[in-house]
Every structure is written in C-alpha cells, then in structure tokens.
Amino acid sequence: FNGEVLETDVISQLGSLVSVLIPARRGDLAGALRIGKRLDRIQCYSSITFFMARGIVSRKSTVEIGPRQGDYIIDITIEGEE
C-alpha cells in the first residue's frame, strides 16, 4: 500500500491517540495495519488545521454490532509532526 492515499473518518481523538474507521471492504488494508506498524506519512486535517505526522498502530478491533458492523477501528498513536 506504499504511496496509496486513503481518506478515513476519525471517530475519536484523545491527546496523541487517534482512532480511525476502515470500511470492511478494505480488509486488505486493515490486515496490513498490524499492531506496531509504523506510519511515516500521515496527513491530518480539519476545518482549522493541516499537518503531516508520523505514528504507530497501537490497537486494532472490529465493530461487532450496529450499522458499521464488520468495519475496523484502528488506533494510531501520533509520535510527532514531520
């Protein structure tokens, strides 16, 4: 997935921990995002800011119930800006 751009929804953010939602149809990507995987180029943006960051996958789980059942929640610990 080197060089692939994937836009995801941030479902929560607490300090340097960001949780994103990966659709079930992208199970290939969720499988590649193993715990401990280093992500060197993360683009973070909102309506008030934009920055590049580095991070590490710290947790991965699957949504068990509800309308997003089967989707993946990936927690990324942001280590610093580029």
PDB file of N, CA and C in Angstrom:
ATOM      1  N   PHE A   1       0.820  -1.200   0.000  1.00  0.00           N
ATOM      2  CA  PHE A   1       0.000   0.000   0.000  1.00  0.00           C
ATOM      3  C   PHE A   1       0.862   1.261   0.000  1.00  0.00           C
ATOM      4  N   ASN A   2       2.140   1.076  -0.256  1.00  0.00           N
ATOM      5  CA  ASN A   2       3.065   2.203  -0.258  1.00  0.00           C
ATOM      6  C   ASN A   2       2.621   3.249  -1.266  1.00  0.00           C
ATOM      7  N   GLY A   3       2.433   4.463  -0.797  1.00  0.00           N
ATOM      8  CA  GLY A   3       2.032   5.549  -1.677  1.00  0.00           C
ATOM      9  C   GLY A   3       0.540   5.673  -1.890  1.00  0.00           C
ATOM     10  N   GLU A   4      -0.244   4.719  -1.419  1.00  0.00           N
ATOM     11  CA  GLU A   4      -1.698   4.786  -1.577  1.00  0.00           C
ATOM     12  C   GLU A   4      -2.268   5.840  -0.634  1.00  0.00           C
ATOM     13  N   VAL A   5      -3.207   6.601  -1.134  1.00  0.00           N
ATOM     14  CA  VAL A   5      -3.880   7.603  -0.310  1.00  0.00           C
ATOM     15  C   VAL A   5      -5.223   7.030   0.122  1.00  0.00           C
ATOM     16  N   LEU A   6      -5.487   7.069   1.405  1.00  0.00           N
ATOM     17  CA  LEU A   6      -6.756   6.604   1.947  1.00  0.00           C
ATOM     18  C   LEU A   6      -7.278   7.664   2.893  1.00  0.00           C
ATOM     19  N   GLU A   7      -8.451   8.164   2.605  1.00  0.00           N
ATOM     20  CA  GLU A   7      -9.080   9.143   3.483  1.00  0.00           C
ATOM     21  C   GLU A   7     -10.023   8.393   4.412  1.00  0.00           C
ATOM     22  N   THR A   8      -9.857   8.587   5.711  1.00  0.00           N
ATOM     23  CA  THR A   8     -10.682   7.889   6.694  1.00  0.00           C
ATOM     24  C   THR A   8     -11.352   8.891   7.619  1.00  0.00           C
ATOM     25  N   ASP A   9     -12.383   8.423   8.278  1.00  0.00           N
ATOM     26  CA  ASP A   9     -13.056   9.230   9.286  1.00  0.00           C
ATOM     27  C   ASP A   9     -12.394   9.005  10.635  1.00  0.00           C
ATOM     28  N   VAL A  10     -12.093  10.089  11.324  1.00  0.00           N
ATOM     29  CA  VAL A  10     -11.613   9.996  12.699  1.00  0.00           C
ATOM     30  C   VAL A  10     -12.848   9.869  13.580  1.00  0.00           C
ATOM     31  N   ILE A  11     -12.901   8.799  14.357  1.00  0.00           N
ATOM     32  CA  ILE A  11     -14.071   8.605  15.209  1.00  0.00           C
ATOM     33  C   ILE A  11     -13.826   9.090  16.633  1.00  0.00           C
ATOM     34  N   SER A  12     -12.545   9.211  17.010  1.00  0.00           N
ATOM     35  CA  SER A  12     -12.233   9.819  18.302  1.00  0.00           C
ATOM     36  C   SER A  12     -10.769  10.245  18.305  1.00  0.00           C
ATOM     37  N   GLN A  13     -10.485  11.185  19.184  1.00  0.00           N
ATOM     38  CA  GLN A  13      -9.121  11.677  19.354  1.00  0.00           C
ATOM     39  C   GLN A  13      -8.974  12.101  20.798  1.00  0.00           C
ATOM     40  N   LEU A  14      -7.959  11.595  21.442  1.00  0.00           N
ATOM     41  CA  LEU A  14      -7.677  11.956  22.825  1.00  0.00           C
ATOM     42  C   LEU A  14      -6.171  12.136  22.942  1.00  0.00           C
ATOM     43  N   GLY A  15      -5.733  13.359  23.073  1.00  0.00           N
ATOM     44  CA  GLY A  15      -4.297  13.628  23.108  1.00  0.00           C
ATOM     45  C   GLY A  15      -3.663  13.195  21.798  1.00  0.00           C
ATOM     46  N   SER A  16      -2.658  12.345  21.890  1.00  0.00           N
ATOM     47  CA  SER A  16      -1.951  11.888  20.689  1.00  0.00           C
ATOM     48  C   SER A  16      -2.525  10.589  20.123  1.00  0.00           C
ATOM     49  N   LEU A  17      -3.626  10.100  20.677  1.00  0.00           N
ATOM     50  CA  LEU A  17      -4.248   8.866  20.202  1.00  0.00           C
ATOM     51  C   LEU A  17      -5.437   9.202  19.301  1.00  0.00           C
ATOM     52  N   VAL A  18      -5.371   8.713  18.065  1.00  0.00           N
ATOM     53  CA  VAL A  18      -6.423   8.958  17.076  1.00  0.00           C
ATOM     54  C   VAL A  18      -6.999   7.609  16.660  1.00  0.00           C
ATOM     55  N   SER A  19      -8.319   7.492  16.651  1.00  0.00           N
ATOM     56  CA  SER A  19      -8.991   6.278  16.207  1.00  0.00           C
ATOM     57  C   SER A  19      -9.678   6.552  14.876  1.00  0.00           C
ATOM     58  N   VAL A  20      -9.385   5.708  13.880  1.00  0.00           N
ATOM     59  CA  VAL A  20      -9.970   5.878  12.553  1.00  0.00           C
ATOM     60  C   VAL A  20     -10.778   4.638  12.198  1.00  0.00           C
ATOM     61  N   LEU A  21     -11.711   4.815  11.273  1.00  0.00           N
ATOM     62  CA  LEU A  21     -12.592   3.741  10.836  1.00  0.00           C
ATOM     63  C   LEU A  21     -12.202   3.314   9.430  1.00  0.00           C
ATOM     64  N   ILE A  22     -11.937   2.023   9.250  1.00  0.00           N
ATOM     65  CA  ILE A  22     -11.611   1.449   7.942  1.00  0.00           C
ATOM     66  C   ILE A  22     -12.795   0.576   7.527  1.00  0.00           C
ATOM     67  N   PRO A  23     -13.375   0.818   6.350  1.00  0.00           N
ATOM     68  CA  PRO A  23     -14.526   0.018   5.917  1.00  0.00           C
ATOM     69  C   PRO A  23     -14.178  -1.465   5.765  1.00  0.00           C
ATOM     70  N   ALA A  24     -15.159  -2.322   6.016  1.00  0.00           N
ATOM     71  CA  ALA A  24     -14.962  -3.767   5.914  1.00  0.00           C
ATOM     72  C   ALA A  24     -14.446  -4.167   4.537  1.00  0.00           C
ATOM     73  N   ARG A  25     -14.872  -3.461   3.490  1.00  0.00           N
ATOM     74  CA  ARG A  25     -14.436  -3.808   2.133  1.00  0.00           C
ATOM     75  C   ARG A  25     -12.943  -3.587   1.938  1.00  0.00           C
ATOM     76  N   ARG A  26     -12.289  -2.885   2.871  1.00  0.00           N
ATOM     77  CA  ARG A  26     -10.840  -2.667   2.819  1.00  0.00           C
ATOM     78  C   ARG A  26     -10.128  -3.537   3.845  1.00  0.00           C
ATOM     79  N   GLY A  27     -10.617  -4.774   3.998  1.00  0.00           N
ATOM     80  CA  GLY A  27      -9.991  -5.719   4.920  1.00  0.00           C
ATOM     81  C   GLY A  27      -8.527  -5.956   4.591  1.00  0.00           C
ATOM     82  N   ASP A  28      -8.160  -5.836   3.301  1.00  0.00           N
ATOM     83  CA  ASP A  28      -6.762  -5.989   2.909  1.00  0.00           C
ATOM     84  C   ASP A  28      -5.898  -4.931   3.589  1.00  0.00           C
ATOM     85  N   LEU A  29      -6.379  -3.716   3.627  1.00  0.00           N
ATOM     86  CA  LEU A  29      -5.646  -2.636   4.268  1.00  0.00           C
ATOM     87  C   LEU A  29      -5.612  -2.824   5.782  1.00  0.00           C
ATOM     88  N   ALA A  30      -6.755  -3.171   6.362  1.00  0.00           N
ATOM     89  CA  ALA A  30      -6.809  -3.395   7.810  1.00  0.00           C
ATOM     90  C   ALA A  30      -5.861  -4.514   8.210  1.00  0.00           C
ATOM     91  N   GLY A  31      -5.747  -5.548   7.373  1.00  0.00           N
ATOM     92  CA  GLY A  31      -4.818  -6.642   7.658  1.00  0.00           C
ATOM     93  C   GLY A  31      -3.370  -6.193   7.629  1.00  0.00           C
ATOM     94  N   ALA A  32      -3.050  -5.250   6.754  1.00  0.00           N
ATOM     95  CA  ALA A  32      -1.680  -4.739   6.647  1.00  0.00           C
ATOM     96  C   ALA A  32      -1.329  -3.797   7.803  1.00  0.00           C
ATOM     97  N   LEU A  33      -2.337  -3.213   8.436  1.00  0.00           N
ATOM     98  CA  LEU A  33      -2.096  -2.295   9.553  1.00  0.00           C
ATOM     99  C   LEU A  33      -2.015  -3.080  10.857  1.00  0.00           C
ATOM    100  N   ARG A  34      -0.943  -3.830  10.997  1.00  0.00           N
ATOM    101  CA  ARG A  34      -0.720  -4.642  12.189  1.00  0.00           C
ATOM    102  C   ARG A  34      -0.296  -3.764  13.369  1.00  0.00           C
ATOM    103  N   ILE A  35      -0.582  -4.220  14.575  1.00  0.00           N
ATOM    104  CA  ILE A  35      -0.144  -3.509  15.774  1.00  0.00           C
ATOM    105  C   ILE A  35       1.379  -3.407  15.735  1.00  0.00           C
ATOM    106  N   GLY A  36       1.876  -2.202  15.957  1.00  0.00           N
ATOM    107  CA  GLY A  36       3.312  -1.942  15.907  1.00  0.00           C
ATOM    108  C   GLY A  36       3.777  -1.390  14.567  1.00  0.00           C
ATOM    109  N   LYS A  37       2.904  -1.408  13.553  1.00  0.00           N
ATOM    110  CA  LYS A  37       3.251  -0.896  12.222  1.00  0.00           C
ATOM    111  C   LYS A  37       3.497   0.602  12.298  1.00  0.00           C
ATOM    112  N   ARG A  38       4.651   1.035  11.774  1.00  0.00           N
ATOM    113  CA  ARG A  38       4.989   2.461  11.759  1.00  0.00           C
ATOM    114  C   ARG A  38       4.446   3.095  10.487  1.00  0.00           C
ATOM    115  N   LEU A  39       3.783   4.233  10.646  1.00  0.00           N
ATOM    116  CA  LEU A  39       3.232   5.001   9.535  1.00  0.00           C
ATOM    117  C   LEU A  39       4.011   6.308   9.466  1.00  0.00           C
ATOM    118  N   ASP A  40       4.770   6.489   8.380  1.00  0.00           N
ATOM    119  CA  ASP A  40       5.684   7.619   8.304  1.00  0.00           C
ATOM    120  C   ASP A  40       5.072   8.887   7.731  1.00  0.00           C
ATOM    121  N   ARG A  41       3.990   8.762   6.968  1.00  0.00           N
ATOM    122  CA  ARG A  41       3.419   9.966   6.338  1.00  0.00           C
ATOM    123  C   ARG A  41       1.907   9.965   6.524  1.00  0.00           C
ATOM    124  N   ILE A  42       1.463  10.614   7.575  1.00  0.00           N
ATOM    125  CA  ILE A  42       0.039  10.733   7.849  1.00  0.00           C
ATOM    126  C   ILE A  42      -0.336  12.199   7.661  1.00  0.00           C
ATOM    127  N   GLN A  43      -1.298  12.457   6.793  1.00  0.00           N
ATOM    128  CA  GLN A  43      -1.799  13.815   6.623  1.00  0.00           C
ATOM    129  C   GLN A  43      -3.005  13.983   7.537  1.00  0.00           C
ATOM    130  N   CYS A  44      -2.934  14.947   8.420  1.00  0.00           N
ATOM    131  CA  CYS A  44      -4.024  15.213   9.349  1.00  0.00           C
ATOM    132  C   CYS A  44      -4.596  16.588   9.024  1.00  0.00           C
ATOM    133  N   TYR A  45      -5.907  16.628   8.857  1.00  0.00           N
ATOM    134  CA  TYR A  45      -6.511  17.932   8.587  1.00  0.00           C
ATOM    135  C   TYR A  45      -7.914  18.012   9.145  1.00  0.00           C
ATOM    136  N   SER A  46      -8.308  19.236   9.404  1.00  0.00           N
ATOM    137  CA  SER A  46      -9.668  19.538   9.842  1.00  0.00           C
ATOM    138  C   SER A  46     -10.012  20.897   9.255  1.00  0.00           C
ATOM    139  N   SER A  47     -11.124  21.444   9.682  1.00  0.00           N
ATOM    140  CA  SER A  47     -11.513  22.755   9.161  1.00  0.00           C
ATOM    141  C   SER A  47     -10.594  23.875   9.652  1.00  0.00           C
ATOM    142  N   ILE A  48      -9.780  23.616  10.695  1.00  0.00           N
ATOM    143  CA  ILE A  48      -8.932  24.681  11.236  1.00  0.00           C
ATOM    144  C   ILE A  48      -7.434  24.420  11.127  1.00  0.00           C
ATOM    145  N   THR A  49      -7.000  23.227  10.718  1.00  0.00           N
ATOM    146  CA  THR A  49      -5.567  22.951  10.673  1.00  0.00           C
ATOM    147  C   THR A  49      -5.223  21.854   9.678  1.00  0.00           C
ATOM    148  N   PHE A  50      -3.948  21.789   9.322  1.00  0.00           N
ATOM    149  CA  PHE A  50      -3.399  20.741   8.469  1.00  0.00           C
ATOM    150  C   PHE A  50      -1.953  20.517   8.897  1.00  0.00           C
ATOM    151  N   PHE A  51      -1.557  19.240   9.074  1.00  0.00           N
ATOM    152  CA  PHE A  51      -0.152  18.953   9.350  1.00  0.00           C
ATOM    153  C   PHE A  51       0.169  17.516   8.937  1.00  0.00           C
ATOM    154  N   MET A  52       1.440  17.256   8.730  1.00  0.00           N
ATOM    155  CA  MET A  52       1.941  15.920   8.419  1.00  0.00           C
ATOM    156  C   MET A  52       2.483  15.326   9.717  1.00  0.00           C
ATOM    157  N   ALA A  53       2.287  14.020   9.907  1.00  0.00           N
ATOM    158  CA  ALA A  53       2.718  13.401  11.157  1.00  0.00           C
ATOM    159  C   ALA A  53       3.255  11.994  10.896  1.00  0.00           C
ATOM    160  N   ARG A  54       3.851  11.439  11.940  1.00  0.00           N
ATOM    161  CA  ARG A  54       4.271  10.042  11.979  1.00  0.00           C
ATOM    162  C   ARG A  54       3.501   9.386  13.115  1.00  0.00           C
ATOM    163  N   GLY A  55       3.267   8.085  12.984  1.00  0.00           N
ATOM    164  CA  GLY A  55       2.548   7.401  14.050  1.00  0.00           C
ATOM    165  C   GLY A  55       2.797   5.907  14.025  1.00  0.00           C
ATOM    166  N   ILE A  56       2.213   5.235  14.979  1.00  0.00           N
ATOM    167  CA  ILE A  56       2.344   3.786  15.084  1.00  0.00           C
ATOM    168  C   ILE A  56       0.977   3.199  15.422  1.00  0.00           C
ATOM    169  N   VAL A  57       0.630   2.088  14.781  1.00  0.00           N
ATOM    170  CA  VAL A  57      -0.644   1.420  15.053  1.00  0.00           C
ATOM    171  C   VAL A  57      -0.554   0.797  16.441  1.00  0.00           C
ATOM    172  N   SER A  58      -1.438   1.225  17.336  1.00  0.00           N
ATOM    173  CA  SER A  58      -1.364   0.755  18.719  1.00  0.00           C
ATOM    174  C   SER A  58      -2.489  -0.216  19.100  1.00  0.00           C
ATOM    175  N   ARG A  59      -3.566  -0.251  18.309  1.00  0.00           N
ATOM    176  CA  ARG A  59      -4.664  -1.181  18.605  1.00  0.00           C
ATOM    177  C   ARG A  59      -5.504  -1.342  17.354  1.00  0.00           C
ATOM    178  N   LYS A  60      -6.096  -2.515  17.216  1.00  0.00           N
ATOM    179  CA  LYS A  60      -6.982  -2.783  16.086  1.00  0.00           C
ATOM    180  C   LYS A  60      -8.127  -3.651  16.585  1.00  0.00           C
ATOM    181  N   SER A  61      -9.349  -3.287  16.185  1.00  0.00           N
ATOM    182  CA  SER A  61     -10.512  -4.086  16.565  1.00  0.00           C
ATOM    183  C   SER A  61     -11.546  -4.039  15.449  1.00  0.00           C
ATOM    184  N   THR A  62     -12.547  -4.873  15.575  1.00  0.00           N
ATOM    185  CA  THR A  62     -13.626  -4.943  14.590  1.00  0.00           C
ATOM    186  C   THR A  62     -14.918  -4.508  15.256  1.00  0.00           C
ATOM    187  N   VAL A  63     -15.713  -3.711  14.547  1.00  0.00           N
ATOM    188  CA  VAL A  63     -17.012  -3.290  15.062  1.00  0.00           C
ATOM    189  C   VAL A  63     -17.919  -4.525  15.081  1.00  0.00           C
ATOM    190  N   GLU A  64     -18.472  -4.844  16.240  1.00  0.00           N
ATOM    191  CA  GLU A  64     -19.239  -6.079  16.419  1.00  0.00           C
ATOM    192  C   GLU A  64     -20.736  -5.925  16.161  1.00  0.00           C
ATOM    193  N   ILE A  65     -21.292  -4.735  16.433  1.00  0.00           N
ATOM    194  CA  ILE A  65     -22.730  -4.542  16.268  1.00  0.00           C
ATOM    195  C   ILE A  65     -23.005  -3.184  15.650  1.00  0.00           C
ATOM    196  N   GLY A  66     -24.213  -3.004  15.154  1.00  0.00           N
ATOM    197  CA  GLY A  66     -24.627  -1.710  14.624  1.00  0.00           C
ATOM    198  C   GLY A  66     -24.429  -1.602  13.124  1.00  0.00           C
ATOM    199  N   PRO A  67     -24.704  -0.422  12.592  1.00  0.00           N
ATOM    200  CA  PRO A  67     -24.660  -0.232  11.139  1.00  0.00           C
ATOM    201  C   PRO A  67     -23.258  -0.338  10.548  1.00  0.00           C
ATOM    202  N   ARG A  68     -22.217  -0.198  11.344  1.00  0.00           N
ATOM    203  CA  ARG A  68     -20.829  -0.310  10.848  1.00  0.00           C
ATOM    204  C   ARG A  68     -20.224  -1.669  11.170  1.00  0.00           C
ATOM    205  N   GLN A  69     -21.075  -2.651  11.517  1.00  0.00           N
ATOM    206  CA  GLN A  69     -20.607  -3.994  11.855  1.00  0.00           C
ATOM    207  C   GLN A  69     -19.695  -4.529  10.755  1.00  0.00           C
ATOM    208  N   GLY A  70     -18.551  -5.072  11.157  1.00  0.00           N
ATOM    209  CA  GLY A  70     -17.578  -5.606  10.214  1.00  0.00           C
ATOM    210  C   GLY A  70     -16.478  -4.622   9.844  1.00  0.00           C
ATOM    211  N   ASP A  71     -16.716  -3.330  10.073  1.00  0.00           N
ATOM    212  CA  ASP A  71     -15.675  -2.333   9.820  1.00  0.00           C
ATOM    213  C   ASP A  71     -14.585  -2.466  10.887  1.00  0.00           C
ATOM    214  N   TYR A  72     -13.450  -1.842  10.643  1.00  0.00           N
ATOM    215  CA  TYR A  72     -12.307  -1.925  11.540  1.00  0.00           C
ATOM    216  C   TYR A  72     -12.052  -0.574  12.202  1.00  0.00           C
ATOM    217  N   ILE A  73     -11.704  -0.622  13.474  1.00  0.00           N
ATOM    218  CA  ILE A  73     -11.259   0.562  14.194  1.00  0.00           C
ATOM    219  C   ILE A  73      -9.760   0.401  14.418  1.00  0.00           C
ATOM    220  N   ILE A  74      -9.009   1.369  13.932  1.00  0.00           N
ATOM    221  CA  ILE A  74      -7.558   1.357  14.058  1.00  0.00           C
ATOM    222  C   ILE A  74      -7.155   2.543  14.928  1.00  0.00           C
ATOM    223  N   ASP A  75      -6.445   2.259  16.027  1.00  0.00           N
ATOM    224  CA  ASP A  75      -5.913   3.319  16.884  1.00  0.00           C
ATOM    225  C   ASP A  75      -4.480   3.599  16.462  1.00  0.00           C
ATOM    226  N   ILE A  76      -4.180   4.872  16.260  1.00  0.00           N
ATOM    227  CA  ILE A  76      -2.843   5.297  15.862  1.00  0.00           C
ATOM    228  C   ILE A  76      -2.336   6.286  16.906  1.00  0.00           C
ATOM    229  N   THR A  77      -1.177   5.992  17.464  1.00  0.00           N
ATOM    230  CA  THR A  77      -0.537   6.911  18.391  1.00  0.00           C
ATOM    231  C   THR A  77       0.368   7.825  17.569  1.00  0.00           C
ATOM    232  N   ILE A  78       0.042   9.113  17.553  1.00  0.00           N
ATOM    233  CA  ILE A  78       0.818  10.093  16.802  1.00  0.00           C
ATOM    234  C   ILE A  78       2.106  10.365  17.574  1.00  0.00           C
ATOM    235  N   GLU A  79       3.241  10.149  16.900  1.00  0.00           N
ATOM    236  CA  GLU A  79       4.542  10.309  17.558  1.00  0.00           C
ATOM    237  C   GLU A  79       5.139  11.689  17.337  1.00  0.00           C
ATOM    238  N   GLY A  80       4.738  12.364  16.282  1.00  0.00           N
ATOM    239  CA  GLY A  80       5.294  13.691  16.048  1.00  0.00           C
ATOM    240  C   GLY A  80       4.991  14.163  14.648  1.00  0.00           C
ATOM    241  N   GLU A  81       5.180  15.451  14.450  1.00  0.00           N
ATOM    242  CA  GLU A  81       4.951  16.045  13.132  1.00  0.00           C
ATOM    243  C   GLU A  81       6.205  15.896  12.293  1.00  0.00           C
ATOM    244  N   GLU A  82       5.999  15.873  10.971  1.00  0.00           N
ATOM    245  CA  GLU A  82       7.120  15.830  10.032  1.00  0.00           C
ATOM    246  C   GLU A  82       7.627  17.223   9.795  1.00  0.00           C
TER     247      GLU A  82
END
